């Protein structure tokens, strides 16, 4: 069993590192209970994009929606990066909604289900592909290349059963599928190791348009998207 070490939400702020000039990547810990519900498909009219009450998604073209409803990253991986970078990395700094402890995020299986608190059930469904907003926010030389080479992406999750959660809630893995495709494997396949793409094709739980990308690239090896 893991634990929700920090529950993080963000508000829009101005940035020069996004085409739309705004970002909510700066997630900050909150201590109150937060309702988590499926936000609907990306770009749906009236959708906030984020599953968490009080959290904002700015660029709805590439972020948010049911298959990127909640982003989780482990404290253990943040601590690894803190040692590598020689700087403090507070909870939420990678833009994660859930900072966990005692729980795999990058190596969670696609389709794995978690219960957070008494009611909320989430399903691991996609990986994170870093963007220039993330690079500008971290302000580290060569950050996108370093993040990609290390392949510790955390995980995106969809909402299966809504519920309220707060910092300190237990996180229990309810079930795992019988394949071996983790968030990290998806990340590696879509970035530096395209030879892994065939592994993704039959993973029906894989969302965020990532399975469709894998299918296109397997069917047409010359394709880049």
Protein backbone atom coordinates (compact mmCIF):
# COMPACT_ATOMS: atom_id res chain seq x y z
CA UNK A 1 0.00 0.00 0.00
CA UNK A 2 1.21 3.48 -0.86
CA UNK A 3 0.19 6.89 0.39
CA UNK A 4 -0.86 10.19 -1.11
CA UNK A 5 1.98 12.31 0.22
CA UNK A 6 0.75 15.51 -1.40
CA UNK A 7 -2.39 16.55 -3.29
CA UNK A 8 -1.57 19.37 -5.70
CA UNK A 9 -3.60 21.78 -7.83
CA UNK A 10 -2.61 24.74 -9.99
CA UNK A 11 -3.96 28.04 -11.25
CA UNK A 12 -3.18 29.62 -14.60
CA UNK A 13 -0.25 32.01 -14.78
CA UNK A 14 1.47 33.87 -17.59
CA UNK A 15 4.39 32.17 -19.34
CA UNK A 16 6.59 32.69 -22.37
CA UNK A 17 7.04 28.92 -22.74
CA UNK A 18 3.61 28.11 -24.17
CA UNK A 19 1.98 29.03 -27.46
CA UNK A 20 -1.10 30.26 -25.63
CA UNK A 21 0.87 32.32 -23.10
CA UNK A 22 -0.57 30.62 -19.99
CA UNK A 23 0.20 27.53 -17.95
CA UNK A 24 -0.99 25.85 -14.76
CA UNK A 25 2.03 23.56 -14.42
CA UNK A 26 2.86 25.20 -11.07
CA UNK A 27 0.92 22.79 -8.86
CA UNK A 28 0.88 23.58 -5.13
CA UNK A 29 -0.09 21.31 -2.21
CA UNK A 30 -3.56 21.75 -0.75
CA UNK A 31 -4.70 20.42 2.62
CA UNK A 32 -8.47 20.34 2.11
CA UNK A 33 -10.46 17.51 0.57
CA UNK A 34 -10.81 17.70 -3.20
CA UNK A 35 -13.53 16.15 -5.36
CA UNK A 36 -12.24 14.11 -8.30
CA UNK A 37 -14.55 13.37 -11.23
CA UNK A 38 -14.06 12.47 -14.89
CA UNK A 39 -13.70 15.74 -16.83
CA UNK A 40 -15.00 14.39 -20.14
CA UNK A 41 -13.17 14.01 -23.46
CA UNK A 42 -10.46 16.54 -24.22
CA UNK A 43 -11.86 19.73 -25.72
CA UNK A 44 -15.46 19.04 -24.70
CA UNK A 45 -17.45 22.25 -24.30
CA UNK A 46 -17.65 23.23 -20.64
CA UNK A 47 -14.92 20.80 -19.54
CA UNK A 48 -12.15 22.15 -17.32
CA UNK A 49 -9.87 19.39 -18.59
CA UNK A 50 -8.79 18.42 -15.08
CA UNK A 51 -10.51 15.89 -12.83
CA UNK A 52 -9.66 17.80 -9.65
CA UNK A 53 -11.79 20.60 -8.32
CA UNK A 54 -9.78 23.81 -8.16
CA UNK A 55 -7.18 22.63 -10.68
CA UNK A 56 -6.76 24.26 -14.09
CA UNK A 57 -5.67 23.04 -17.51
CA UNK A 58 -4.67 25.79 -19.93
CA UNK A 59 -3.80 24.25 -23.28
CA UNK A 60 -6.74 21.95 -24.01
CA UNK A 61 -5.26 20.93 -27.34
CA UNK A 62 -2.64 18.73 -25.69
CA UNK A 63 -3.56 18.41 -22.02
CA UNK A 64 -6.46 17.24 -19.90
CA UNK A 65 -9.54 15.18 -20.70
CA UNK A 66 -10.52 11.73 -19.52
CA UNK A 67 -7.25 10.04 -20.53
CA UNK A 68 -5.10 12.72 -18.86
CA UNK A 69 -7.45 13.44 -15.99
CA UNK A 70 -4.93 12.99 -13.15
CA UNK A 71 -1.12 13.04 -13.25
CA UNK A 72 0.86 11.12 -10.62
CA UNK A 73 4.58 11.18 -9.81
CA UNK A 74 6.36 9.48 -6.95
CA UNK A 75 8.33 11.23 -4.24
CA UNK A 76 11.03 8.60 -4.69
CA UNK A 77 11.55 9.67 -8.30
CA UNK A 78 11.46 13.36 -7.39
CA UNK A 79 14.17 12.66 -4.80
CA UNK A 80 16.26 10.91 -7.47
CA UNK A 81 15.99 13.93 -9.73
CA UNK A 82 16.76 16.28 -6.83
CA UNK A 83 20.05 14.46 -6.28
CA UNK A 84 20.83 14.54 -10.00
CA UNK A 85 20.05 18.23 -10.37
CA UNK A 86 21.47 19.34 -7.03
CA UNK A 87 18.36 21.30 -6.08
CA UNK A 88 15.24 20.94 -4.01
CA UNK A 89 12.18 19.67 -5.85
CA UNK A 90 9.02 20.30 -3.82
CA UNK A 91 5.87 18.23 -4.17
CA UNK A 92 3.95 19.29 -7.28
CA UNK A 93 6.94 20.77 -9.09
CA UNK A 94 6.64 18.36 -12.04
CA UNK A 95 3.02 19.44 -12.46
CA UNK A 96 1.74 16.31 -10.77
CA UNK A 97 -1.64 16.26 -9.04
CA UNK A 98 -0.69 13.29 -6.87
CA UNK A 99 2.73 13.02 -5.27
CA UNK A 100 2.85 9.45 -3.99
CA UNK A 101 5.16 7.51 -1.70
CA UNK A 102 5.60 3.74 -1.60
CA UNK A 103 3.97 3.29 -5.01
CA UNK A 104 5.24 2.80 -8.55
CA UNK A 105 4.18 5.50 -10.99
CA UNK A 106 6.55 5.33 -13.97
CA UNK A 107 6.57 1.54 -13.70
CA UNK A 108 2.84 1.16 -13.12
CA UNK A 109 1.14 -1.07 -15.68
CA UNK A 110 -1.23 0.46 -18.19
CA UNK A 111 -4.67 -0.66 -16.97
CA UNK A 112 -3.59 -0.96 -13.33
CA UNK A 113 -6.27 0.35 -10.96
CA UNK A 114 -5.71 2.29 -7.75
CA UNK A 115 -8.06 3.20 -4.93
CA UNK A 116 -7.18 6.55 -3.37
CA UNK A 117 -8.95 7.22 -0.10
CA UNK A 118 -12.28 5.50 0.59
CA UNK A 119 -14.01 5.90 -2.81
CA UNK A 120 -11.90 7.18 -5.68
CA UNK A 121 -10.76 4.56 -8.22
CA UNK A 122 -8.27 5.54 -10.91
CA UNK A 123 -6.82 3.58 -13.83
CA UNK A 124 -3.33 4.09 -15.25
CA UNK A 125 -3.94 4.88 -18.91
CA UNK A 126 -1.17 6.97 -20.51
CA UNK A 127 2.33 8.31 -20.18
CA UNK A 128 3.65 11.85 -20.06
CA UNK A 129 5.50 13.26 -23.06
CA UNK A 130 7.47 16.34 -21.93
CA UNK A 131 6.88 19.67 -23.66
CA UNK A 132 8.67 23.02 -23.83
CA UNK A 133 6.43 24.42 -21.08
CA UNK A 134 7.85 21.75 -18.74
CA UNK A 135 11.38 22.60 -19.91
CA UNK A 136 10.85 26.32 -19.35
CA UNK A 137 9.32 25.73 -15.93
CA UNK A 138 12.19 23.52 -14.69
CA UNK A 139 14.77 25.87 -16.27
CA UNK A 140 17.45 23.19 -16.54
CA UNK A 141 19.89 23.04 -19.45
CA UNK A 142 18.96 20.22 -21.83
CA UNK A 143 16.04 19.22 -19.62
CA UNK A 144 13.89 17.54 -22.29
CA UNK A 145 16.78 15.34 -23.42
CA UNK A 146 17.67 14.43 -19.83
CA UNK A 147 14.08 13.63 -18.88
CA UNK A 148 13.59 11.57 -22.02
CA UNK A 149 16.83 9.62 -21.59
CA UNK A 150 15.96 8.67 -18.01
CA UNK A 151 12.43 7.48 -18.91
CA UNK A 152 10.81 8.21 -15.55
CA UNK A 153 7.60 9.81 -16.84
CA UNK A 154 5.17 9.18 -13.99
CA UNK A 155 1.67 8.21 -15.11
CA UNK A 156 -1.61 9.66 -16.28
CA UNK A 157 -4.78 8.14 -14.88
CA UNK A 158 -8.46 8.17 -15.82
CA UNK A 159 -11.31 8.28 -13.30
CA UNK A 160 -13.23 5.02 -12.95
CA UNK A 161 -15.18 5.85 -9.77
CA UNK A 162 -15.34 9.47 -8.55
CA UNK A 163 -14.60 10.39 -4.97
CA UNK A 164 -13.05 12.91 -2.59
CA UNK A 165 -9.42 12.68 -1.53
CA UNK A 166 -6.95 14.55 0.64
CA UNK A 167 -3.29 14.48 1.52
CA UNK A 168 -2.43 11.44 3.62
CA UNK A 169 -4.99 9.12 2.06
CA UNK A 170 -3.88 5.52 1.43
CA UNK A 171 -3.34 4.41 -2.16
CA UNK A 172 -4.07 0.74 -2.80
CA UNK A 173 -3.41 -1.16 -6.01
CA UNK A 174 -6.69 -2.98 -6.67
CA UNK A 175 -5.76 -4.91 -9.79
CA UNK A 176 -3.09 -5.31 -12.44
CA UNK A 177 -3.48 -6.55 -16.03
CA UNK A 178 -1.57 -9.58 -17.27
CA UNK A 179 0.62 -7.73 -19.80
CA UNK A 180 4.00 -6.07 -19.06
CA UNK A 181 3.48 -2.64 -20.62
CA UNK A 182 4.17 0.10 -18.09
CA UNK A 183 3.99 3.86 -18.43
CA UNK A 184 7.77 3.86 -18.83
CA UNK A 185 7.57 1.29 -21.65
CA UNK A 186 5.00 3.45 -23.47
CA UNK A 187 7.25 6.47 -22.99
CA UNK A 188 10.30 4.68 -24.36
CA UNK A 189 8.31 3.34 -27.34
CA UNK A 190 7.00 6.78 -28.27
CA UNK A 191 10.36 8.51 -27.88
CA UNK A 192 13.74 6.79 -28.29
CA UNK A 193 12.86 3.11 -28.72
CA UNK A 194 10.31 2.69 -31.53
CA UNK A 195 11.12 -1.02 -31.70
CA UNK A 196 8.87 -1.30 -28.62
CA UNK A 197 5.82 0.09 -30.44
CA UNK A 198 4.30 -3.31 -31.30
CA UNK A 199 3.93 -3.99 -27.57
CA UNK A 200 1.45 -1.11 -27.32
CA UNK A 201 -0.93 -2.12 -30.09
CA UNK A 202 -2.97 -4.67 -28.11
CA UNK A 203 -3.10 -2.73 -24.83
CA UNK A 204 -6.73 -1.61 -25.00
CA UNK A 205 -6.52 0.46 -21.83
CA UNK A 206 -3.87 2.74 -23.36
CA UNK A 207 -5.46 6.11 -24.03
CA UNK A 208 -4.52 9.71 -24.64
CA UNK A 209 -4.33 8.92 -28.38
CA UNK A 210 -1.12 7.03 -27.61
CA UNK A 211 -2.36 3.63 -28.75
CA UNK A 212 -3.57 5.18 -32.01
CA UNK A 213 -0.12 6.73 -32.52
CA UNK A 214 1.49 3.35 -31.92
CA UNK A 215 -0.84 1.63 -34.40
CA UNK A 216 -0.13 4.26 -37.08
CA UNK A 217 3.61 3.98 -36.63
CA UNK A 218 3.58 0.18 -36.66
CA UNK A 219 1.43 0.16 -39.81
CA UNK A 220 3.51 2.91 -41.44
CA UNK A 221 7.06 2.82 -40.07
CA UNK A 222 7.99 6.05 -41.84
CA UNK A 223 5.30 7.97 -39.91
CA UNK A 224 6.55 10.36 -37.20
CA UNK A 225 3.29 11.17 -35.39
